[in-house]
Amino acid sequence: MSGEQPSAAQKEASRAQSEADQGKGGKARASRLQSQADRAAVPKHGQ
């Protein structure tokens, strides 16, 4: 880890994934949120 705090999107994705893992549904939503958070966390080229 780089020592950075997770973004709000990453926290929301983690919470949604946790709920999905507990059988509360929302697996597609959790996957979508995780993908969005992952894309947002990738540093842009040249930075």
PDB file of N, CA and C in Angstrom:
ATOM      1  N   MET A   1       0.838  -1.175   0.000  1.00  0.00           N
ATOM      2  CA  MET A   1       0.000   0.000   0.000  1.00  0.00           C
ATOM      3  C   MET A   1       0.885   1.242   0.000  1.00  0.00           C
ATOM      4  N   SER A   2       0.331   2.290  -0.561  1.00  0.00           N
ATOM      5  CA  SER A   2       1.056   3.542  -0.626  1.00  0.00           C
ATOM      6  C   SER A   2       0.861   4.389   0.626  1.00  0.00           C
ATOM      7  N   GLY A   3       0.041   3.914   1.546  1.00  0.00           N
ATOM      8  CA  GLY A   3      -0.229   4.662   2.753  1.00  0.00           C
ATOM      9  C   GLY A   3      -1.379   5.632   2.613  1.00  0.00           C
ATOM     10  N   GLU A   4      -1.988   5.678   1.438  1.00  0.00           N
ATOM     11  CA  GLU A   4      -3.115   6.572   1.217  1.00  0.00           C
ATOM     12  C   GLU A   4      -4.381   5.951   1.789  1.00  0.00           C
ATOM     13  N   GLN A   5      -5.287   6.818   2.220  1.00  0.00           N
ATOM     14  CA  GLN A   5      -6.572   6.362   2.724  1.00  0.00           C
ATOM     15  C   GLN A   5      -7.463   5.956   1.548  1.00  0.00           C
ATOM     16  N   PRO A   6      -8.330   4.963   1.740  1.00  0.00           N
ATOM     17  CA  PRO A   6      -9.241   4.598   0.658  1.00  0.00           C
ATOM     18  C   PRO A   6     -10.219   5.739   0.368  1.00  0.00           C
ATOM     19  N   SER A   7     -10.562   5.877  -0.884  1.00  0.00           N
ATOM     20  CA  SER A   7     -11.506   6.920  -1.267  1.00  0.00           C
ATOM     21  C   SER A   7     -12.913   6.529  -0.823  1.00  0.00           C
ATOM     22  N   ALA A   8     -13.813   7.482  -0.907  1.00  0.00           N
ATOM     23  CA  ALA A   8     -15.206   7.208  -0.566  1.00  0.00           C
ATOM     24  C   ALA A   8     -15.765   6.113  -1.475  1.00  0.00           C
ATOM     25  N   ALA A   9     -15.384   6.142  -2.752  1.00  0.00           N
ATOM     26  CA  ALA A   9     -15.856   5.123  -3.691  1.00  0.00           C
ATOM     27  C   ALA A   9     -15.343   3.750  -3.289  1.00  0.00           C
ATOM     28  N   GLN A  10     -14.090   3.681  -2.852  1.00  0.00           N
ATOM     29  CA  GLN A  10     -13.520   2.405  -2.433  1.00  0.00           C
ATOM     30  C   GLN A  10     -14.207   1.891  -1.166  1.00  0.00           C
ATOM     31  N   LYS A  11     -14.512   2.795  -0.251  1.00  0.00           N
ATOM     32  CA  LYS A  11     -15.208   2.397   0.977  1.00  0.00           C
ATOM     33  C   LYS A  11     -16.604   1.876   0.673  1.00  0.00           C
ATOM     34  N   GLU A  12     -17.321   2.572  -0.209  1.00  0.00           N
ATOM     35  CA  GLU A  12     -18.671   2.155  -0.594  1.00  0.00           C
ATOM     36  C   GLU A  12     -18.625   0.805  -1.298  1.00  0.00           C
ATOM     37  N   ALA A  13     -17.648   0.615  -2.184  1.00  0.00           N
ATOM     38  CA  ALA A  13     -17.512  -0.652  -2.889  1.00  0.00           C
ATOM     39  C   ALA A  13     -17.223  -1.784  -1.907  1.00  0.00           C
ATOM     40  N   SER A  14     -16.385  -1.515  -0.931  1.00  0.00           N
ATOM     41  CA  SER A  14     -16.055  -2.525   0.073  1.00  0.00           C
ATOM     42  C   SER A  14     -17.288  -2.906   0.883  1.00  0.00           C
ATOM     43  N   ARG A  15     -18.067  -1.909   1.271  1.00  0.00           N
ATOM     44  CA  ARG A  15     -19.281  -2.170   2.045  1.00  0.00           C
ATOM     45  C   ARG A  15     -20.280  -2.989   1.221  1.00  0.00           C
ATOM     46  N   ALA A  16     -20.458  -2.619  -0.041  1.00  0.00           N
ATOM     47  CA  ALA A  16     -21.381  -3.339  -0.918  1.00  0.00           C
ATOM     48  C   ALA A  16     -20.914  -4.775  -1.123  1.00  0.00           C
ATOM     49  N   GLN A  17     -19.604  -4.959  -1.282  1.00  0.00           N
ATOM     50  CA  GLN A  17     -19.068  -6.307  -1.466  1.00  0.00           C
ATOM     51  C   GLN A  17     -19.274  -7.137  -0.213  1.00  0.00           C
ATOM     52  N   SER A  18     -19.093  -6.537   0.945  1.00  0.00           N
ATOM     53  CA  SER A  18     -19.295  -7.236   2.204  1.00  0.00           C
ATOM     54  C   SER A  18     -20.743  -7.706   2.332  1.00  0.00           C
ATOM     55  N   GLU A  19     -21.672  -6.832   1.994  1.00  0.00           N
ATOM     56  CA  GLU A  19     -23.088  -7.201   2.048  1.00  0.00           C
ATOM     57  C   GLU A  19     -23.390  -8.330   1.069  1.00  0.00           C
ATOM     58  N   ALA A  20     -22.826  -8.250  -0.123  1.00  0.00           N
ATOM     59  CA  ALA A  20     -23.047  -9.305  -1.113  1.00  0.00           C
ATOM     60  C   ALA A  20     -22.482 -10.626  -0.619  1.00  0.00           C
ATOM     61  N   ASP A  21     -21.313 -10.569   0.009  1.00  0.00           N
ATOM     62  CA  ASP A  21     -20.693 -11.785   0.533  1.00  0.00           C
ATOM     63  C   ASP A  21     -21.521 -12.416   1.648  1.00  0.00           C
ATOM     64  N   GLN A  22     -22.290 -11.597   2.349  1.00  0.00           N
ATOM     65  CA  GLN A  22     -23.119 -12.100   3.442  1.00  0.00           C
ATOM     66  C   GLN A  22     -24.473 -12.601   2.946  1.00  0.00           C
ATOM     67  N   GLY A  23     -24.646 -12.627   1.644  1.00  0.00           N
ATOM     68  CA  GLY A  23     -25.878 -13.155   1.068  1.00  0.00           C
ATOM     69  C   GLY A  23     -27.008 -12.147   1.036  1.00  0.00           C
ATOM     70  N   LYS A  24     -26.678 -10.887   1.143  1.00  0.00           N
ATOM     71  CA  LYS A  24     -27.714  -9.852   1.130  1.00  0.00           C
ATOM     72  C   LYS A  24     -27.966  -9.321  -0.279  1.00  0.00           C
ATOM     73  N   GLY A  25     -27.470 -10.023  -1.283  1.00  0.00           N
ATOM     74  CA  GLY A  25     -27.698  -9.608  -2.663  1.00  0.00           C
ATOM     75  C   GLY A  25     -26.782  -8.475  -3.077  1.00  0.00           C
ATOM     76  N   GLY A  26     -27.085  -7.925  -4.238  1.00  0.00           N
ATOM     77  CA  GLY A  26     -26.329  -6.784  -4.721  1.00  0.00           C
ATOM     78  C   GLY A  26     -24.969  -7.122  -5.294  1.00  0.00           C
ATOM     79  N   LYS A  27     -24.784  -8.349  -5.753  1.00  0.00           N
ATOM     80  CA  LYS A  27     -23.466  -8.731  -6.276  1.00  0.00           C
ATOM     81  C   LYS A  27     -23.085  -7.934  -7.513  1.00  0.00           C
ATOM     82  N   ALA A  28     -24.049  -7.699  -8.394  1.00  0.00           N
ATOM     83  CA  ALA A  28     -23.758  -6.929  -9.604  1.00  0.00           C
ATOM     84  C   ALA A  28     -23.392  -5.496  -9.237  1.00  0.00           C
ATOM     85  N   ARG A  29     -24.122  -4.918  -8.284  1.00  0.00           N
ATOM     86  CA  ARG A  29     -23.834  -3.552  -7.840  1.00  0.00           C
ATOM     87  C   ARG A  29     -22.462  -3.482  -7.198  1.00  0.00           C
ATOM     88  N   ALA A  30     -22.147  -4.457  -6.365  1.00  0.00           N
ATOM     89  CA  ALA A  30     -20.846  -4.483  -5.699  1.00  0.00           C
ATOM     90  C   ALA A  30     -19.721  -4.565  -6.724  1.00  0.00           C
ATOM     91  N   SER A  31     -19.910  -5.401  -7.720  1.00  0.00           N
ATOM     92  CA  SER A  31     -18.896  -5.549  -8.766  1.00  0.00           C
ATOM     93  C   SER A  31     -18.721  -4.247  -9.538  1.00  0.00           C
ATOM     94  N   ARG A  32     -19.837  -3.600  -9.859  1.00  0.00           N
ATOM     95  CA  ARG A  32     -19.786  -2.340 -10.602  1.00  0.00           C
ATOM     96  C   ARG A  32     -19.088  -1.251  -9.785  1.00  0.00           C
ATOM     97  N   LEU A  33     -19.440  -1.148  -8.510  1.00  0.00           N
ATOM     98  CA  LEU A  33     -18.807  -0.145  -7.652  1.00  0.00           C
ATOM     99  C   LEU A  33     -17.312  -0.405  -7.510  1.00  0.00           C
ATOM    100  N   GLN A  34     -16.945  -1.668  -7.386  1.00  0.00           N
ATOM    101  CA  GLN A  34     -15.532  -2.003  -7.245  1.00  0.00           C
ATOM    102  C   GLN A  34     -14.761  -1.636  -8.505  1.00  0.00           C
ATOM    103  N   SER A  35     -15.347  -1.903  -9.664  1.00  0.00           N
ATOM    104  CA  SER A  35     -14.695  -1.560 -10.925  1.00  0.00           C
ATOM    105  C   SER A  35     -14.499  -0.051 -11.043  1.00  0.00           C
ATOM    106  N   GLN A  36     -15.535   0.702 -10.668  1.00  0.00           N
ATOM    107  CA  GLN A  36     -15.436   2.160 -10.742  1.00  0.00           C
ATOM    108  C   GLN A  36     -14.361   2.673  -9.786  1.00  0.00           C
ATOM    109  N   ALA A  37     -14.337   2.141  -8.586  1.00  0.00           N
ATOM    110  CA  ALA A  37     -13.352   2.579  -7.599  1.00  0.00           C
ATOM    111  C   ALA A  37     -11.941   2.233  -8.056  1.00  0.00           C
ATOM    112  N   ASP A  38     -11.774   1.044  -8.639  1.00  0.00           N
ATOM    113  CA  ASP A  38     -10.454   0.637  -9.122  1.00  0.00           C
ATOM    114  C   ASP A  38      -9.967   1.548 -10.238  1.00  0.00           C
ATOM    115  N   ARG A  39     -10.871   1.885 -11.165  1.00  0.00           N
ATOM    116  CA  ARG A  39     -10.482   2.772 -12.266  1.00  0.00           C
ATOM    117  C   ARG A  39     -10.107   4.154 -11.732  1.00  0.00           C
ATOM    118  N   ALA A  40     -10.848   4.641 -10.750  1.00  0.00           N
ATOM    119  CA  ALA A  40     -10.581   5.965 -10.196  1.00  0.00           C
ATOM    120  C   ALA A  40      -9.261   6.001  -9.434  1.00  0.00           C
ATOM    121  N   ALA A  41      -8.840   4.862  -8.897  1.00  0.00           N
ATOM    122  CA  ALA A  41      -7.629   4.814  -8.080  1.00  0.00           C
ATOM    123  C   ALA A  41      -6.352   4.707  -8.907  1.00  0.00           C
ATOM    124  N   VAL A  42      -6.486   4.398 -10.194  1.00  0.00           N
ATOM    125  CA  VAL A  42      -5.307   4.247 -11.047  1.00  0.00           C
ATOM    126  C   VAL A  42      -4.758   5.628 -11.372  1.00  0.00           C
ATOM    127  N   PRO A  43      -3.491   5.868 -11.073  1.00  0.00           N
ATOM    128  CA  PRO A  43      -2.930   7.189 -11.391  1.00  0.00           C
ATOM    129  C   PRO A  43      -2.913   7.432 -12.896  1.00  0.00           C
ATOM    130  N   LYS A  44      -3.152   8.652 -13.249  1.00  0.00           N
ATOM    131  CA  LYS A  44      -3.126   9.017 -14.667  1.00  0.00           C
ATOM    132  C   LYS A  44      -1.697   8.989 -15.182  1.00  0.00           C
ATOM    133  N   HIS A  45      -1.558   8.761 -16.477  1.00  0.00           N
ATOM    134  CA  HIS A  45      -0.257   8.690 -17.117  1.00  0.00           C
ATOM    135  C   HIS A  45       0.501  10.003 -16.900  1.00  0.00           C
ATOM    136  N   GLY A  46       1.739   9.880 -16.478  1.00  0.00           N
ATOM    137  CA  GLY A  46       2.580  11.050 -16.321  1.00  0.00           C
ATOM    138  C   GLY A  46       2.507  11.704 -14.958  1.00  0.00           C
ATOM    139  N   GLN A  47       1.740  11.145 -14.056  1.00  0.00           N
ATOM    140  CA  GLN A  47       1.631  11.747 -12.728  1.00  0.00           C
ATOM    141  C   GLN A  47       2.375  10.923 -11.717  1.00  0.00           C
TER     142      GLN A  47
END
